Amino acid sequence: MIGTRMRAKRLEMKLSQKALAEIIGISPPAINRLEKNIKAPSVDTLTKLAKALGVSTDFLLGSGEEDAIFVDDEIKDAFQEFKQLSPDNRQQILQNIHFLKTR
């Protein structure tokens, strides 16, 4: 279950196994073993995977459906686009949201 969802999110973000491995600090072969469900991730690795892939640990574990959290399709589409941004661009958007909330 974890491997299937992990792989789908990685491909959706157009990340190679090597790129994801570099982001979370493990080897590309370890990513491959996780995606094939040969090995289960540690809690630390699971947390890093969720953060890197822009999903919850619950989603990776199969206990939550990501699409159920969206109010409408426009917000769902915006979130999908957000997840494909670089970490720096994501941070800029989050700062803009924070700014708008505080004015």
PDB file of N, CA and C in Angstrom:
ATOM      1  N   MET A   1       0.818  -1.193   0.000  1.00  0.00           N
ATOM      2  CA  MET A   1       0.000   0.000   0.000  1.00  0.00           C
ATOM      3  C   MET A   1       0.861   1.255   0.000  1.00  0.00           C
ATOM      4  N   ILE A   2       1.815   1.344   0.936  1.00  0.00           N
ATOM      5  CA  ILE A   2       2.661   2.538   1.015  1.00  0.00           C
ATOM      6  C   ILE A   2       3.404   2.742  -0.291  1.00  0.00           C
ATOM      7  N   GLY A   3       3.984   1.665  -0.801  1.00  0.00           N
ATOM      8  CA  GLY A   3       4.780   1.757  -2.016  1.00  0.00           C
ATOM      9  C   GLY A   3       3.981   2.235  -3.210  1.00  0.00           C
ATOM     10  N   THR A   4       2.769   1.757  -3.357  1.00  0.00           N
ATOM     11  CA  THR A   4       1.918   2.137  -4.486  1.00  0.00           C
ATOM     12  C   THR A   4       1.580   3.622  -4.441  1.00  0.00           C
ATOM     13  N   ARG A   5       1.178   4.088  -3.271  1.00  0.00           N
ATOM     14  CA  ARG A   5       0.832   5.509  -3.131  1.00  0.00           C
ATOM     15  C   ARG A   5       2.066   6.392  -3.254  1.00  0.00           C
ATOM     16  N   MET A   6       3.159   5.925  -2.690  1.00  0.00           N
ATOM     17  CA  MET A   6       4.408   6.671  -2.759  1.00  0.00           C
ATOM     18  C   MET A   6       4.856   6.844  -4.209  1.00  0.00           C
ATOM     19  N   ARG A   7       4.833   5.770  -4.961  1.00  0.00           N
ATOM     20  CA  ARG A   7       5.244   5.816  -6.366  1.00  0.00           C
ATOM     21  C   ARG A   7       4.326   6.726  -7.178  1.00  0.00           C
ATOM     22  N   ALA A   8       3.020   6.609  -6.954  1.00  0.00           N
ATOM     23  CA  ALA A   8       2.067   7.434  -7.696  1.00  0.00           C
ATOM     24  C   ALA A   8       2.313   8.923  -7.441  1.00  0.00           C
ATOM     25  N   LYS A   9       2.539   9.290  -6.192  1.00  0.00           N
ATOM     26  CA  LYS A   9       2.797  10.694  -5.862  1.00  0.00           C
ATOM     27  C   LYS A   9       4.134  11.156  -6.436  1.00  0.00           C
ATOM     28  N   ARG A  10       5.148  10.298  -6.375  1.00  0.00           N
ATOM     29  CA  ARG A  10       6.463  10.652  -6.925  1.00  0.00           C
ATOM     30  C   ARG A  10       6.351  10.918  -8.415  1.00  0.00           C
ATOM     31  N   LEU A  11       5.655  10.061  -9.135  1.00  0.00           N
ATOM     32  CA  LEU A  11       5.486  10.233 -10.582  1.00  0.00           C
ATOM     33  C   LEU A  11       4.642  11.465 -10.890  1.00  0.00           C
ATOM     34  N   GLU A  12       3.620  11.700 -10.083  1.00  0.00           N
ATOM     35  CA  GLU A  12       2.774  12.878 -10.261  1.00  0.00           C
ATOM     36  C   GLU A  12       3.604  14.162 -10.143  1.00  0.00           C
ATOM     37  N   MET A  13       4.599  14.129  -9.259  1.00  0.00           N
ATOM     38  CA  MET A  13       5.467  15.294  -9.056  1.00  0.00           C
ATOM     39  C   MET A  13       6.652  15.314 -10.024  1.00  0.00           C
ATOM     40  N   LYS A  14       6.694  14.306 -10.896  1.00  0.00           N
ATOM     41  CA  LYS A  14       7.765  14.192 -11.896  1.00  0.00           C
ATOM     42  C   LYS A  14       9.143  14.122 -11.251  1.00  0.00           C
ATOM     43  N   LEU A  15       9.230  13.350 -10.159  1.00  0.00           N
ATOM     44  CA  LEU A  15      10.498  13.121  -9.470  1.00  0.00           C
ATOM     45  C   LEU A  15      11.026  11.746  -9.817  1.00  0.00           C
ATOM     46  N   SER A  16      12.315  11.649 -10.031  1.00  0.00           N
ATOM     47  CA  SER A  16      12.936  10.345 -10.203  1.00  0.00           C
ATOM     48  C   SER A  16      13.142   9.725  -8.824  1.00  0.00           C
ATOM     49  N   GLN A  17      13.406   8.425  -8.792  1.00  0.00           N
ATOM     50  CA  GLN A  17      13.710   7.789  -7.512  1.00  0.00           C
ATOM     51  C   GLN A  17      14.962   8.421  -6.910  1.00  0.00           C
ATOM     52  N   LYS A  18      15.922   8.751  -7.756  1.00  0.00           N
ATOM     53  CA  LYS A  18      17.165   9.363  -7.282  1.00  0.00           C
ATOM     54  C   LYS A  18      16.884  10.726  -6.647  1.00  0.00           C
ATOM     55  N   ALA A  19      16.049  11.532  -7.296  1.00  0.00           N
ATOM     56  CA  ALA A  19      15.729  12.859  -6.763  1.00  0.00           C
ATOM     57  C   ALA A  19      15.017  12.754  -5.417  1.00  0.00           C
ATOM     58  N   LEU A  20      14.047  11.856  -5.315  1.00  0.00           N
ATOM     59  CA  LEU A  20      13.334  11.676  -4.050  1.00  0.00           C
ATOM     60  C   LEU A  20      14.292  11.184  -2.967  1.00  0.00           C
ATOM     61  N   ALA A  21      15.160  10.269  -3.340  1.00  0.00           N
ATOM     62  CA  ALA A  21      16.139   9.742  -2.387  1.00  0.00           C
ATOM     63  C   ALA A  21      17.019  10.863  -1.838  1.00  0.00           C
ATOM     64  N   GLU A  22      17.451  11.758  -2.717  1.00  0.00           N
ATOM     65  CA  GLU A  22      18.287  12.880  -2.282  1.00  0.00           C
ATOM     66  C   GLU A  22      17.521  13.813  -1.344  1.00  0.00           C
ATOM     67  N   ILE A  23      16.265  14.053  -1.641  1.00  0.00           N
ATOM     68  CA  ILE A  23      15.450  14.949  -0.819  1.00  0.00           C
ATOM     69  C   ILE A  23      15.312  14.419   0.606  1.00  0.00           C
ATOM     70  N   ILE A  24      15.083  13.107   0.733  1.00  0.00           N
ATOM     71  CA  ILE A  24      14.830  12.574   2.078  1.00  0.00           C
ATOM     72  C   ILE A  24      16.052  11.918   2.718  1.00  0.00           C
ATOM     73  N   GLY A  25      17.152  11.846   1.971  1.00  0.00           N
ATOM     74  CA  GLY A  25      18.396  11.364   2.575  1.00  0.00           C
ATOM     75  C   GLY A  25      18.555   9.860   2.675  1.00  0.00           C
ATOM     76  N   ILE A  26      18.007   9.133   1.692  1.00  0.00           N
ATOM     77  CA  ILE A  26      18.253   7.690   1.626  1.00  0.00           C
ATOM     78  C   ILE A  26      18.726   7.353   0.212  1.00  0.00           C
ATOM     79  N   SER A  27      19.083   6.113  -0.025  1.00  0.00           N
ATOM     80  CA  SER A  27      19.611   5.728  -1.332  1.00  0.00           C
ATOM     81  C   SER A  27      18.498   5.445  -2.340  1.00  0.00           C
ATOM     82  N   PRO A  28      18.779   5.621  -3.643  1.00  0.00           N
ATOM     83  CA  PRO A  28      17.778   5.261  -4.661  1.00  0.00           C
ATOM     84  C   PRO A  28      17.330   3.800  -4.576  1.00  0.00           C
ATOM     85  N   PRO A  29      18.245   2.846  -4.315  1.00  0.00           N
ATOM     86  CA  PRO A  29      17.767   1.461  -4.164  1.00  0.00           C
ATOM     87  C   PRO A  29      16.779   1.296  -2.993  1.00  0.00           C
ATOM     88  N   ALA A  30      16.960   2.097  -1.943  1.00  0.00           N
ATOM     89  CA  ALA A  30      16.020   2.028  -0.810  1.00  0.00           C
ATOM     90  C   ALA A  30      14.639   2.524  -1.247  1.00  0.00           C
ATOM     91  N   ILE A  31      14.601   3.587  -2.062  1.00  0.00           N
ATOM     92  CA  ILE A  31      13.322   4.075  -2.603  1.00  0.00           C
ATOM     93  C   ILE A  31      12.666   2.962  -3.415  1.00  0.00           C
ATOM     94  N   ASN A  32      13.450   2.291  -4.239  1.00  0.00           N
ATOM     95  CA  ASN A  32      12.933   1.199  -5.066  1.00  0.00           C
ATOM     96  C   ASN A  32      12.332   0.095  -4.207  1.00  0.00           C
ATOM     97  N   ARG A  33      13.011  -0.284  -3.136  1.00  0.00           N
ATOM     98  CA  ARG A  33      12.502  -1.345  -2.239  1.00  0.00           C
ATOM     99  C   ARG A  33      11.200  -0.902  -1.556  1.00  0.00           C
ATOM    100  N   LEU A  34      11.139   0.381  -1.187  1.00  0.00           N
ATOM    101  CA  LEU A  34       9.914   0.887  -0.557  1.00  0.00           C
ATOM    102  C   LEU A  34       8.751   0.868  -1.540  1.00  0.00           C
ATOM    103  N   GLU A  35       9.017   1.315  -2.777  1.00  0.00           N
ATOM    104  CA  GLU A  35       7.940   1.353  -3.783  1.00  0.00           C
ATOM    105  C   GLU A  35       7.445  -0.038  -4.161  1.00  0.00           C
ATOM    106  N   LYS A  36       8.326  -1.016  -4.085  1.00  0.00           N
ATOM    107  CA  LYS A  36       7.926  -2.396  -4.401  1.00  0.00           C
ATOM    108  C   LYS A  36       7.377  -3.122  -3.178  1.00  0.00           C
ATOM    109  N   ASN A  37       7.242  -2.397  -2.071  1.00  0.00           N
ATOM    110  CA  ASN A  37       6.744  -2.959  -0.812  1.00  0.00           C
ATOM    111  C   ASN A  37       7.593  -4.119  -0.321  1.00  0.00           C
ATOM    112  N   ILE A  38       8.872  -4.110  -0.660  1.00  0.00           N
ATOM    113  CA  ILE A  38       9.803  -5.123  -0.171  1.00  0.00           C
ATOM    114  C   ILE A  38      10.189  -4.811   1.266  1.00  0.00           C
ATOM    115  N   LYS A  39      10.274  -3.521   1.555  1.00  0.00           N
ATOM    116  CA  LYS A  39      10.659  -3.072   2.889  1.00  0.00           C
ATOM    117  C   LYS A  39       9.711  -1.966   3.327  1.00  0.00           C
ATOM    118  N   ALA A  40       9.372  -1.957   4.605  1.00  0.00           N
ATOM    119  CA  ALA A  40       8.532  -0.889   5.160  1.00  0.00           C
ATOM    120  C   ALA A  40       9.440   0.242   5.644  1.00  0.00           C
ATOM    121  N   PRO A  41       9.003   1.489   5.477  1.00  0.00           N
ATOM    122  CA  PRO A  41       9.833   2.605   5.933  1.00  0.00           C
ATOM    123  C   PRO A  41       9.797   2.744   7.456  1.00  0.00           C
ATOM    124  N   SER A  42      10.879   3.288   8.009  1.00  0.00           N
ATOM    125  CA  SER A  42      10.872   3.634   9.428  1.00  0.00           C
ATOM    126  C   SER A  42       9.915   4.807   9.615  1.00  0.00           C
ATOM    127  N   VAL A  43       9.576   5.108  10.839  1.00  0.00           N
ATOM    128  CA  VAL A  43       8.695   6.241  11.116  1.00  0.00           C
ATOM    129  C   VAL A  43       9.342   7.532  10.606  1.00  0.00           C
ATOM    130  N   ASP A  44      10.644   7.670  10.815  1.00  0.00           N
ATOM    131  CA  ASP A  44      11.357   8.861  10.353  1.00  0.00           C
ATOM    132  C   ASP A  44      11.302   8.978   8.829  1.00  0.00           C
ATOM    133  N   THR A  45      11.567   7.881   8.135  1.00  0.00           N
ATOM    134  CA  THR A  45      11.518   7.892   6.669  1.00  0.00           C
ATOM    135  C   THR A  45      10.107   8.153   6.162  1.00  0.00           C
ATOM    136  N   LEU A  46       9.116   7.562   6.800  1.00  0.00           N
ATOM    137  CA  LEU A  46       7.719   7.787   6.410  1.00  0.00           C
ATOM    138  C   LEU A  46       7.360   9.266   6.534  1.00  0.00           C
ATOM    139  N   THR A  47       7.780   9.892   7.612  1.00  0.00           N
ATOM    140  CA  THR A  47       7.520  11.320   7.827  1.00  0.00           C
ATOM    141  C   THR A  47       8.190  12.163   6.752  1.00  0.00           C
ATOM    142  N   LYS A  48       9.440  11.847   6.444  1.00  0.00           N
ATOM    143  CA  LYS A  48      10.168  12.581   5.404  1.00  0.00           C
ATOM    144  C   LYS A  48       9.530  12.376   4.032  1.00  0.00           C
ATOM    145  N   LEU A  49       9.091  11.161   3.748  1.00  0.00           N
ATOM    146  CA  LEU A  49       8.415  10.880   2.481  1.00  0.00           C
ATOM    147  C   LEU A  49       7.142  11.707   2.349  1.00  0.00           C
ATOM    148  N   ALA A  50       6.335  11.707   3.394  1.00  0.00           N
ATOM    149  CA  ALA A  50       5.072  12.453   3.365  1.00  0.00           C
ATOM    150  C   ALA A  50       5.336  13.935   3.108  1.00  0.00           C
ATOM    151  N   LYS A  51       6.315  14.484   3.793  1.00  0.00           N
ATOM    152  CA  LYS A  51       6.628  15.906   3.617  1.00  0.00           C
ATOM    153  C   LYS A  51       7.117  16.177   2.196  1.00  0.00           C
ATOM    154  N   ALA A  52       8.014  15.346   1.698  1.00  0.00           N
ATOM    155  CA  ALA A  52       8.568  15.542   0.354  1.00  0.00           C
ATOM    156  C   ALA A  52       7.510  15.392  -0.727  1.00  0.00           C
ATOM    157  N   LEU A  53       6.546  14.505  -0.506  1.00  0.00           N
ATOM    158  CA  LEU A  53       5.513  14.244  -1.510  1.00  0.00           C
ATOM    159  C   LEU A  53       4.261  15.106  -1.312  1.00  0.00           C
ATOM    160  N   GLY A  54       4.238  15.903  -0.257  1.00  0.00           N
ATOM    161  CA  GLY A  54       3.107  16.804  -0.030  1.00  0.00           C
ATOM    162  C   GLY A  54       1.830  16.095   0.363  1.00  0.00           C
ATOM    163  N   VAL A  55       1.966  14.990   1.088  1.00  0.00           N
ATOM    164  CA  VAL A  55       0.796  14.240   1.548  1.00  0.00           C
ATOM    165  C   VAL A  55       0.959  13.949   3.038  1.00  0.00           C
ATOM    166  N   SER A  56      -0.072  13.425   3.638  1.00  0.00           N
ATOM    167  CA  SER A  56       0.015  13.048   5.050  1.00  0.00           C
ATOM    168  C   SER A  56       0.562  11.627   5.172  1.00  0.00           C
ATOM    169  N   THR A  57       1.063  11.321   6.352  1.00  0.00           N
ATOM    170  CA  THR A  57       1.480   9.935   6.604  1.00  0.00           C
ATOM    171  C   THR A  57       0.261   9.021   6.546  1.00  0.00           C
ATOM    172  N   ASP A  58      -0.889   9.520   6.991  1.00  0.00           N
ATOM    173  CA  ASP A  58      -2.126   8.731   6.906  1.00  0.00           C
ATOM    174  C   ASP A  58      -2.421   8.337   5.465  1.00  0.00           C
ATOM    175  N   PHE A  59      -2.230   9.292   4.539  1.00  0.00           N
ATOM    176  CA  PHE A  59      -2.481   8.996   3.133  1.00  0.00           C
ATOM    177  C   PHE A  59      -1.548   7.881   2.650  1.00  0.00           C
ATOM    178  N   LEU A  60      -0.256   7.987   2.968  1.00  0.00           N
ATOM    179  CA  LEU A  60       0.691   6.950   2.539  1.00  0.00           C
ATOM    180  C   LEU A  60       0.352   5.595   3.148  1.00  0.00           C
ATOM    181  N   LEU A  61      -0.141   5.616   4.371  1.00  0.00           N
ATOM    182  CA  LEU A  61      -0.507   4.367   5.044  1.00  0.00           C
ATOM    183  C   LEU A  61      -1.846   3.812   4.582  1.00  0.00           C
ATOM    184  N   GLY A  62      -2.571   4.606   3.795  1.00  0.00           N
ATOM    185  CA  GLY A  62      -3.835   4.128   3.246  1.00  0.00           C
ATOM    186  C   GLY A  62      -5.042   4.404   4.103  1.00  0.00           C
ATOM    187  N   SER A  63      -4.878   5.222   5.151  1.00  0.00           N
ATOM    188  CA  SER A  63      -6.021   5.456   6.032  1.00  0.00           C
ATOM    189  C   SER A  63      -6.721   6.782   5.781  1.00  0.00           C
ATOM    190  N   GLY A  64      -6.340   7.482   4.727  1.00  0.00           N
ATOM    191  CA  GLY A  64      -7.003   8.744   4.420  1.00  0.00           C
ATOM    192  C   GLY A  64      -7.065   8.957   2.922  1.00  0.00           C
ATOM    193  N   GLU A  65      -8.125   9.478   2.460  1.00  0.00           N
ATOM    194  CA  GLU A  65      -8.263   9.804   1.050  1.00  0.00           C
ATOM    195  C   GLU A  65      -8.049  11.299   0.869  1.00  0.00           C
ATOM    196  N   GLU A  66      -7.009  11.652   0.168  1.00  0.00           N
ATOM    197  CA  GLU A  66      -6.627  13.051  -0.003  1.00  0.00           C
ATOM    198  C   GLU A  66      -7.748  13.888  -0.618  1.00  0.00           C
ATOM    199  N   ASP A  67      -8.426  13.381  -1.616  1.00  0.00           N
ATOM    200  CA  ASP A  67      -9.442  14.164  -2.320  1.00  0.00           C
ATOM    201  C   ASP A  67     -10.623  14.542  -1.423  1.00  0.00           C
ATOM    202  N   ALA A  68     -10.841  13.825  -0.351  1.00  0.00           N
ATOM    203  CA  ALA A  68     -11.984  14.098   0.518  1.00  0.00           C
ATOM    204  C   ALA A  68     -11.843  15.406   1.287  1.00  0.00           C
ATOM    205  N   ILE A  69     -10.660  15.991   1.349  1.00  0.00           N
ATOM    206  CA  ILE A  69     -10.461  17.204   2.134  1.00  0.00           C
ATOM    207  C   ILE A  69     -10.795  18.483   1.377  1.00  0.00           C
ATOM    208  N   PHE A  70     -11.030  18.407   0.079  1.00  0.00           N
ATOM    209  CA  PHE A  70     -11.218  19.598  -0.728  1.00  0.00           C
ATOM    210  C   PHE A  70     -12.676  20.039  -0.777  1.00  0.00           C
ATOM    211  N   VAL A  71     -12.856  21.364  -0.699  1.00  0.00           N
ATOM    212  CA  VAL A  71     -14.188  21.950  -0.725  1.00  0.00           C
ATOM    213  C   VAL A  71     -14.811  21.828  -2.115  1.00  0.00           C
ATOM    214  N   ASP A  72     -14.008  22.086  -3.145  1.00  0.00           N
ATOM    215  CA  ASP A  72     -14.513  21.988  -4.516  1.00  0.00           C
ATOM    216  C   ASP A  72     -13.362  21.656  -5.470  1.00  0.00           C
ATOM    217  N   ASP A  73     -13.695  21.442  -6.733  1.00  0.00           N
ATOM    218  CA  ASP A  73     -12.700  21.033  -7.717  1.00  0.00           C
ATOM    219  C   ASP A  73     -11.640  22.096  -7.972  1.00  0.00           C
ATOM    220  N   GLU A  74     -12.011  23.365  -7.883  1.00  0.00           N
ATOM    221  CA  GLU A  74     -11.045  24.443  -8.114  1.00  0.00           C
ATOM    222  C   GLU A  74      -9.932  24.409  -7.058  1.00  0.00           C
ATOM    223  N   ILE A  75     -10.292  24.189  -5.811  1.00  0.00           N
ATOM    224  CA  ILE A  75      -9.303  24.105  -4.739  1.00  0.00           C
ATOM    225  C   ILE A  75      -8.472  22.835  -4.903  1.00  0.00           C
ATOM    226  N   LYS A  76      -9.111  21.754  -5.269  1.00  0.00           N
ATOM    227  CA  LYS A  76      -8.385  20.502  -5.504  1.00  0.00           C
ATOM    228  C   LYS A  76      -7.352  20.698  -6.611  1.00  0.00           C
ATOM    229  N   ASP A  77      -7.730  21.346  -7.714  1.00  0.00           N
ATOM    230  CA  ASP A  77      -6.803  21.590  -8.820  1.00  0.00           C
ATOM    231  C   ASP A  77      -5.657  22.501  -8.391  1.00  0.00           C
ATOM    232  N   ALA A  78      -5.975  23.535  -7.616  1.00  0.00           N
ATOM    233  CA  ALA A  78      -4.940  24.455  -7.134  1.00  0.00           C
ATOM    234  C   ALA A  78      -3.941  23.710  -6.243  1.00  0.00           C
ATOM    235  N   PHE A  79      -4.453  22.813  -5.408  1.00  0.00           N
ATOM    236  CA  PHE A  79      -3.565  22.040  -4.539  1.00  0.00           C
ATOM    237  C   PHE A  79      -2.652  21.116  -5.353  1.00  0.00           C
ATOM    238  N   GLN A  80      -3.196  20.510  -6.388  1.00  0.00           N
ATOM    239  CA  GLN A  80      -2.384  19.652  -7.256  1.00  0.00           C
ATOM    240  C   GLN A  80      -1.258  20.457  -7.892  1.00  0.00           C
ATOM    241  N   GLU A  81      -1.553  21.677  -8.330  1.00  0.00           N
ATOM    242  CA  GLU A  81      -0.528  22.542  -8.906  1.00  0.00           C
ATOM    243  C   GLU A  81       0.489  22.950  -7.844  1.00  0.00           C
ATOM    244  N   PHE A  82       0.018  23.258  -6.649  1.00  0.00           N
ATOM    245  CA  PHE A  82       0.895  23.641  -5.539  1.00  0.00           C
ATOM    246  C   PHE A  82       1.916  22.542  -5.255  1.00  0.00           C
ATOM    247  N   LYS A  83       1.456  21.295  -5.253  1.00  0.00           N
ATOM    248  CA  LYS A  83       2.344  20.174  -4.936  1.00  0.00           C
ATOM    249  C   LYS A  83       3.466  20.017  -5.962  1.00  0.00           C
ATOM    250  N   GLN A  84       3.265  20.502  -7.164  1.00  0.00           N
ATOM    251  CA  GLN A  84       4.276  20.349  -8.207  1.00  0.00           C
ATOM    252  C   GLN A  84       5.311  21.474  -8.188  1.00  0.00           C
ATOM    253  N   LEU A  85       5.103  22.476  -7.349  1.00  0.00           N
ATOM    254  CA  LEU A  85       6.044  23.581  -7.250  1.00  0.00           C
ATOM    255  C   LEU A  85       7.291  23.166  -6.472  1.00  0.00           C
ATOM    256  N   SER A  86       8.350  23.923  -6.664  1.00  0.00           N
ATOM    257  CA  SER A  86       9.571  23.694  -5.890  1.00  0.00           C
ATOM    258  C   SER A  86       9.302  24.064  -4.431  1.00  0.00           C
ATOM    259  N   PRO A  87      10.108  23.539  -3.504  1.00  0.00           N
ATOM    260  CA  PRO A  87       9.919  23.917  -2.096  1.00  0.00           C
ATOM    261  C   PRO A  87      10.000  25.430  -1.870  1.00  0.00           C
ATOM    262  N   ASP A  88      10.876  26.133  -2.587  1.00  0.00           N
ATOM    263  CA  ASP A  88      10.984  27.592  -2.442  1.00  0.00           C
ATOM    264  C   ASP A  88       9.699  28.285  -2.882  1.00  0.00           C
ATOM    265  N   ASN A  89       9.136  27.844  -4.012  1.00  0.00           N
ATOM    266  CA  ASN A  89       7.893  28.451  -4.495  1.00  0.00           C
ATOM    267  C   ASN A  89       6.722  28.134  -3.578  1.00  0.00           C
ATOM    268  N   ARG A  90       6.719  26.921  -3.015  1.00  0.00           N
ATOM    269  CA  ARG A  90       5.669  26.579  -2.049  1.00  0.00           C
ATOM    270  C   ARG A  90       5.744  27.525  -0.857  1.00  0.00           C
ATOM    271  N   GLN A  91       6.963  27.761  -0.376  1.00  0.00           N
ATOM    272  CA  GLN A  91       7.153  28.632   0.777  1.00  0.00           C
ATOM    273  C   GLN A  91       6.664  30.049   0.483  1.00  0.00           C
ATOM    274  N   GLN A  92       6.929  30.532  -0.721  1.00  0.00           N
ATOM    275  CA  GLN A  92       6.461  31.873  -1.099  1.00  0.00           C
ATOM    276  C   GLN A  92       4.937  31.951  -1.063  1.00  0.00           C
ATOM    277  N   ILE A  93       4.282  30.927  -1.563  1.00  0.00           N
ATOM    278  CA  ILE A  93       2.816  30.914  -1.551  1.00  0.00           C
ATOM    279  C   ILE A  93       2.293  30.871  -0.117  1.00  0.00           C
ATOM    280  N   LEU A  94       2.915  30.064   0.725  1.00  0.00           N
ATOM    281  CA  LEU A  94       2.489  29.997   2.123  1.00  0.00           C
ATOM    282  C   LEU A  94       2.685  31.339   2.824  1.00  0.00           C
ATOM    283  N   GLN A  95       3.763  32.038   2.500  1.00  0.00           N
ATOM    284  CA  GLN A  95       3.984  33.369   3.071  1.00  0.00           C
ATOM    285  C   GLN A  95       2.907  34.343   2.598  1.00  0.00           C
ATOM    286  N   ASN A  96       2.523  34.250   1.317  1.00  0.00           N
ATOM    287  CA  ASN A  96       1.444  35.104   0.806  1.00  0.00           C
ATOM    288  C   ASN A  96       0.121  34.823   1.509  1.00  0.00           C
ATOM    289  N   ILE A  97      -0.171  33.572   1.726  1.00  0.00           N
ATOM    290  CA  ILE A  97      -1.403  33.204   2.443  1.00  0.00           C
ATOM    291  C   ILE A  97      -1.372  33.784   3.850  1.00  0.00           C
ATOM    292  N   HIS A  98      -0.247  33.625   4.528  1.00  0.00           N
ATOM    293  CA  HIS A  98      -0.111  34.166   5.880  1.00  0.00           C
ATOM    294  C   HIS A  98      -0.306  35.685   5.880  1.00  0.00           C
ATOM    295  N   PHE A  99       0.289  36.346   4.901  1.00  0.00           N
ATOM    296  CA  PHE A  99       0.141  37.794   4.788  1.00  0.00           C
ATOM    297  C   PHE A  99      -1.326  38.194   4.619  1.00  0.00           C
ATOM    298  N   LEU A 100      -2.016  37.487   3.737  1.00  0.00           N
ATOM    299  CA  LEU A 100      -3.428  37.804   3.492  1.00  0.00           C
ATOM    300  C   LEU A 100      -4.292  37.562   4.742  1.00  0.00           C
ATOM    301  N   LYS A 101      -3.953  36.550   5.513  1.00  0.00           N
ATOM    302  CA  LYS A 101      -4.718  36.257   6.723  1.00  0.00           C
ATOM    303  C   LYS A 101      -4.534  37.326   7.793  1.00  0.00           C
ATOM    304  N   THR A 102      -3.375  37.996   7.779  1.00  0.00           N
ATOM    305  CA  THR A 102      -3.068  38.944   8.860  1.00  0.00           C
ATOM    306  C   THR A 102      -3.395  40.392   8.521  1.00  0.00           C
ATOM    307  N   ARG A 103      -3.858  40.670   7.299  1.00  0.00           N
ATOM    308  CA  ARG A 103      -4.170  42.067   7.003  1.00  0.00           C
ATOM    309  C   ARG A 103      -5.583  42.424   7.348  1.00  0.00           C
TER     310      ARG A 103
END
